[in-house]
Amino acid sequence: MEGRILEELQAAEMVLVGIGEEFEEQAFLETLPEYQQAAALLEQNGCVDFLPLLADKTVRDNGHGVTALIKLYQILKDKNYFLISTCKTDILHYAGFPSDRTVTPCGTLRKKQCVCGCEQSLAPVSDSERSSLYHKLIAREQEPEILGFCPKCQGRMAFNNIYLEKYLESGYLENWQRYTKWLQGTLNRKLCILELGVNLDYPSVIRFPFEKVGYYNQKAFFVRVNEKLYYLTKELHERGLSIAKNAIDWLLEEEIL
């Protein structure tokens, strides 16, 4: 099975990759009392947009997702690939994936916006802002204003992610346009589709669109890896593989890829 995947990757002209919720390592985070206590306080204070920052350093330093993605990057770096992820932490950056080959439509820790959705409020977040805020969150200090205030309405600045009621999608649109243009070029090309750890939290972002691409491109080979939701559609069954494993664990196995 794994040999077939490696063959398909090597033969592919283009590789489409989806990275999903399994890479957020939520089960691991839920075993950490310090994380759980700080997360509960954020939810209580209505600052759920900070949850990815709270998870980010812990996942980077003690999780396995980044290590798995580093392995994936080494395989893909010389291929014509594009990667779309629903993760809101910075794991793609830590793994070495360049920003012009990735898009994160559920948000990022590298941009902030006004909670009121003022378009002109979109701005980059500095490393020092993130570091300072992370330590305050771990210490359970109630100071969300660390990211500043909107220059227009003076509302709280928040991380630009899907947790916000007035999420500014303009934060990822430039990369999304680059992605859709790349995707148009996959038609009638030998394409390998890797869907790794994608659940049904945001099915319209990766899962359903990937199935559509695989269905219409008769030269596509589809690989779906998921601990629970691993089944392929009937139309893709003969041109793909489904693997019932956690995607992080699968990538880390020595014989894989």
Protein backbone atom coordinates (compact mmCIF):
# COMPACT_ATOMS: atom_id res chain seq x y z
CA MET A 1 0.00 0.00 0.00
CA GLU A 2 2.65 2.50 1.05
CA GLY A 3 4.81 1.59 -1.95
CA ARG A 4 1.90 2.45 -4.23
CA ILE A 5 1.59 5.89 -2.64
CA LEU A 6 5.28 6.60 -3.09
CA GLU A 7 5.05 5.54 -6.74
CA GLU A 8 2.08 7.83 -7.32
CA LEU A 9 3.85 10.76 -5.66
CA GLN A 10 6.98 10.25 -7.71
CA ALA A 11 5.01 9.97 -10.96
CA ALA A 12 2.70 12.91 -10.26
CA GLU A 13 3.10 16.13 -12.21
CA MET A 14 1.32 18.03 -9.43
CA VAL A 15 0.45 17.28 -5.79
CA LEU A 16 -2.55 18.70 -3.94
CA VAL A 17 -2.30 18.43 -0.14
CA GLY A 18 -4.92 18.98 2.53
CA ILE A 19 -3.90 19.19 6.19
CA GLY A 20 -6.75 18.92 8.66
CA GLU A 21 -7.86 18.92 12.23
CA GLU A 22 -5.86 15.89 13.40
CA PHE A 23 -2.76 18.09 13.18
CA GLU A 24 -4.15 20.41 15.85
CA GLU A 25 -3.52 17.55 18.32
CA GLN A 26 -6.53 18.41 20.44
CA ALA A 27 -6.53 15.07 22.28
CA PHE A 28 -2.96 15.72 23.42
CA LEU A 29 -3.76 19.29 24.52
CA GLU A 30 -6.69 18.08 26.57
CA THR A 31 -4.32 16.03 28.73
CA LEU A 32 -2.48 19.19 29.88
CA PRO A 33 -4.05 20.90 32.94
CA GLU A 34 -2.18 24.18 32.31
CA TYR A 35 -3.58 24.41 28.79
CA GLN A 36 -7.08 23.43 29.88
CA GLN A 37 -7.22 26.03 32.64
CA ALA A 38 -6.02 28.84 30.38
CA ALA A 39 -8.39 27.75 27.58
CA ALA A 40 -11.35 27.77 29.96
CA LEU A 41 -10.52 31.31 31.01
CA LEU A 42 -10.32 32.47 27.38
CA GLU A 43 -13.72 30.98 26.61
CA GLN A 44 -15.16 32.53 29.75
CA ASN A 45 -13.85 35.96 28.68
CA GLY A 46 -15.03 35.64 25.07
CA CYS A 47 -11.49 35.54 23.66
CA VAL A 48 -11.63 32.24 21.80
CA ASP A 49 -9.60 33.73 18.94
CA PHE A 50 -6.57 33.36 21.26
CA LEU A 51 -6.98 29.57 21.56
CA PRO A 52 -4.65 28.79 18.60
CA LEU A 53 -1.89 30.87 20.20
CA LEU A 54 -2.34 29.01 23.46
CA ALA A 55 -1.96 25.70 21.60
CA ASP A 56 0.81 26.83 19.24
CA LYS A 57 3.90 26.69 21.46
CA THR A 58 2.82 23.49 23.19
CA VAL A 59 2.18 21.69 19.90
CA ARG A 60 5.46 22.98 18.47
CA ASP A 61 7.59 21.97 21.44
CA ASN A 62 5.89 18.79 22.65
CA GLY A 63 3.55 17.52 19.95
CA HIS A 64 4.30 15.35 16.93
CA GLY A 65 2.51 17.21 14.15
CA VAL A 66 5.40 19.51 13.24
CA THR A 67 7.83 16.58 13.02
CA ALA A 68 5.40 14.78 10.70
CA LEU A 69 5.01 17.85 8.51
CA ILE A 70 8.77 18.35 8.28
CA LYS A 71 8.96 14.84 6.84
CA LEU A 72 6.17 15.67 4.38
CA TYR A 73 7.90 18.88 3.31
CA GLN A 74 11.12 17.04 2.53
CA ILE A 75 9.15 14.81 0.18
CA LEU A 76 7.23 17.62 -1.49
CA LYS A 77 9.74 20.47 -1.65
CA ASP A 78 10.93 19.66 -5.18
CA LYS A 79 7.43 18.87 -6.50
CA ASN A 80 4.84 21.21 -7.99
CA TYR A 81 2.52 21.17 -4.97
CA PHE A 82 0.03 23.35 -3.16
CA LEU A 83 -1.12 22.83 0.42
CA ILE A 84 -4.35 23.98 2.03
CA SER A 85 -4.86 23.63 5.77
CA THR A 86 -7.67 24.20 8.25
CA CYS A 87 -5.18 24.48 11.12
CA LYS A 88 -4.96 27.86 12.83
CA THR A 89 -1.61 27.39 14.55
CA ASP A 90 1.76 28.07 12.87
CA ILE A 91 2.73 24.44 12.25
CA LEU A 92 3.18 24.85 8.48
CA HIS A 93 5.68 27.63 9.07
CA TYR A 94 7.60 25.57 11.63
CA ALA A 95 7.77 22.67 9.16
CA GLY A 96 9.33 24.89 6.50
CA PHE A 97 6.46 25.23 4.03
CA PRO A 98 6.76 28.57 2.18
CA SER A 99 3.75 30.87 2.36
CA ASP A 100 3.39 31.11 -1.43
CA ARG A 101 2.66 27.36 -1.55
CA THR A 102 0.10 27.30 1.27
CA VAL A 103 -3.24 28.81 2.23
CA THR A 104 -4.97 28.74 5.62
CA PRO A 105 -8.57 29.86 5.10
CA CYS A 106 -9.50 29.33 8.76
CA GLY A 107 -7.04 31.99 9.86
CA THR A 108 -3.56 32.61 11.11
CA LEU A 109 -1.53 33.76 14.09
CA ARG A 110 0.43 36.12 11.86
CA LYS A 111 -2.38 38.64 11.33
CA LYS A 112 -4.76 40.52 13.59
CA GLN A 113 -8.01 42.39 13.04
CA CYS A 114 -10.64 44.35 14.90
CA VAL A 115 -13.36 42.22 16.52
CA CYS A 116 -15.87 44.55 14.88
CA GLY A 117 -14.62 43.58 11.43
CA CYS A 118 -13.27 46.97 10.30
CA GLU A 119 -11.54 46.10 7.02
CA GLN A 120 -8.69 48.58 7.46
CA SER A 121 -7.81 47.07 10.83
CA LEU A 122 -6.08 44.02 9.29
CA ALA A 123 -2.40 44.11 10.28
CA PRO A 124 0.57 41.79 10.91
CA VAL A 125 1.29 40.42 14.39
CA SER A 126 4.89 40.69 15.56
CA ASP A 127 6.76 37.85 17.26
CA SER A 128 7.15 39.98 20.37
CA GLU A 129 3.37 40.54 20.57
CA ARG A 130 2.74 36.84 20.29
CA SER A 131 5.37 35.91 22.85
CA SER A 132 4.17 38.47 25.37
CA LEU A 133 0.55 37.46 24.95
CA TYR A 134 1.33 33.74 25.21
CA HIS A 135 3.06 34.18 28.58
CA LYS A 136 0.14 36.24 29.85
CA LEU A 137 -2.31 33.54 28.77
CA ILE A 138 -0.33 30.80 30.50
CA ALA A 139 -0.21 32.95 33.64
CA ARG A 140 -3.97 33.44 33.17
CA GLU A 141 -3.73 37.21 33.14
CA GLN A 142 -6.81 38.86 31.69
CA GLU A 143 -5.19 41.27 29.25
CA PRO A 144 -6.50 40.63 25.72
CA GLU A 145 -5.78 44.28 24.83
CA ILE A 146 -2.13 43.28 24.33
CA LEU A 147 -2.84 43.17 20.59
CA GLY A 148 -3.98 46.79 20.70
CA PHE A 149 -7.10 48.58 19.58
CA CYS A 150 -8.70 49.29 16.22
CA PRO A 151 -7.62 52.67 14.77
CA LYS A 152 -11.16 53.26 13.50
CA CYS A 153 -13.59 52.05 16.19
CA GLN A 154 -11.22 51.41 19.13
CA GLY A 155 -12.50 47.85 19.41
CA ARG A 156 -10.25 45.07 20.68
CA MET A 157 -7.76 43.71 18.16
CA ALA A 158 -7.97 39.93 17.83
CA PHE A 159 -6.27 37.20 15.87
CA ASN A 160 -7.53 36.98 12.31
CA ASN A 161 -9.24 33.58 12.48
CA ILE A 162 -12.55 31.84 12.00
CA TYR A 163 -13.42 31.97 15.70
CA LEU A 164 -14.42 35.61 15.24
CA GLU A 165 -18.01 36.44 14.45
CA LYS A 166 -16.80 39.08 11.97
CA TYR A 167 -13.82 37.20 10.58
CA LEU A 168 -12.04 39.16 7.83
CA GLU A 169 -11.50 36.63 5.05
CA SER A 170 -9.39 39.19 3.23
CA GLY A 171 -6.54 38.00 5.45
CA TYR A 172 -6.09 34.89 3.31
CA LEU A 173 -7.61 35.88 -0.05
CA GLU A 174 -4.33 36.66 -1.79
CA ASN A 175 -3.06 33.15 -1.13
CA TRP A 176 -6.49 31.70 -1.94
CA GLN A 177 -6.39 33.32 -5.38
CA ARG A 178 -2.93 31.86 -5.90
CA TYR A 179 -4.30 28.45 -4.86
CA THR A 180 -7.31 28.55 -7.21
CA LYS A 181 -5.11 29.58 -10.12
CA TRP A 182 -2.77 26.66 -9.36
CA LEU A 183 -5.76 24.32 -9.07
CA GLN A 184 -6.98 25.28 -12.53
CA GLY A 185 -3.67 24.00 -13.89
CA THR A 186 -4.27 20.50 -12.50
CA LEU A 187 -6.99 19.67 -15.03
CA ASN A 188 -6.00 16.68 -17.17
CA ARG A 189 -2.61 16.50 -15.43
CA LYS A 190 -1.34 13.53 -13.45
CA LEU A 191 -2.30 14.64 -9.97
CA CYS A 192 -1.73 13.05 -6.58
CA ILE A 193 -4.16 14.21 -3.89
CA LEU A 194 -3.12 13.76 -0.26
CA GLU A 195 -5.89 14.45 2.24
CA LEU A 196 -4.38 14.04 5.70
CA GLY A 197 -6.27 14.20 8.97
CA VAL A 198 -9.24 16.14 7.61
CA ASN A 199 -12.43 15.75 9.65
CA LEU A 200 -15.83 17.33 9.02
CA ASP A 201 -15.41 20.56 10.97
CA TYR A 202 -15.00 22.53 7.72
CA PRO A 203 -16.01 20.10 4.94
CA SER A 204 -16.42 22.81 2.32
CA VAL A 205 -12.77 23.86 2.68
CA ILE A 206 -10.94 20.61 1.88
CA ARG A 207 -12.95 17.41 2.03
CA PHE A 208 -15.75 18.05 -0.49
CA PRO A 209 -13.67 20.20 -2.90
CA PHE A 210 -10.89 17.58 -2.96
CA GLU A 211 -13.42 14.86 -3.80
CA LYS A 212 -14.71 17.01 -6.63
CA VAL A 213 -11.21 17.57 -8.04
CA GLY A 214 -10.48 13.83 -7.83
CA TYR A 215 -13.78 12.95 -9.49
CA TYR A 216 -13.37 15.23 -12.51
CA ASN A 217 -9.67 14.62 -13.06
CA GLN A 218 -9.49 11.05 -14.32
CA LYS A 219 -5.69 11.14 -13.97
CA ALA A 220 -5.88 11.87 -10.26
CA PHE A 221 -4.94 9.41 -7.51
CA PHE A 222 -6.58 10.11 -4.14
CA VAL A 223 -5.10 9.22 -0.73
CA ARG A 224 -7.28 9.82 2.35
CA VAL A 225 -5.71 9.21 5.77
CA ASN A 226 -7.90 9.64 8.84
CA GLU A 227 -8.30 7.84 12.13
CA LYS A 228 -12.10 7.67 11.85
CA LEU A 229 -13.34 9.32 8.63
CA TYR A 230 -11.21 7.44 6.15
CA TYR A 231 -13.75 6.12 3.66
CA LEU A 232 -13.53 7.15 0.01
CA THR A 233 -16.55 7.82 -2.16
CA LYS A 234 -17.62 5.07 -4.56
CA GLU A 235 -16.41 7.15 -7.53
CA LEU A 236 -12.88 7.48 -6.12
CA HIS A 237 -12.50 3.98 -4.72
CA GLU A 238 -10.78 2.55 -7.81
CA ARG A 239 -8.40 5.52 -8.11
CA GLY A 240 -7.38 5.90 -4.52
CA LEU A 241 -6.54 4.50 -1.13
CA SER A 242 -8.16 5.04 2.27
CA ILE A 243 -6.04 4.51 5.35
CA ALA A 244 -7.58 4.18 8.81
CA LYS A 245 -4.82 5.80 10.84
CA ASN A 246 -4.16 9.10 12.52
CA ALA A 247 -2.42 11.16 9.82
CA ILE A 248 0.42 12.25 12.11
CA ASP A 249 1.18 8.67 13.12
CA TRP A 250 1.02 7.55 9.50
CA LEU A 251 3.52 10.17 8.35
CA LEU A 252 5.91 9.32 11.16
CA GLU A 253 6.06 5.61 10.39
CA GLU A 254 9.44 4.85 8.83
CA GLU A 255 8.09 2.77 5.97
CA ILE A 256 5.64 5.46 4.87
CA LEU A 257 6.74 7.71 2.01
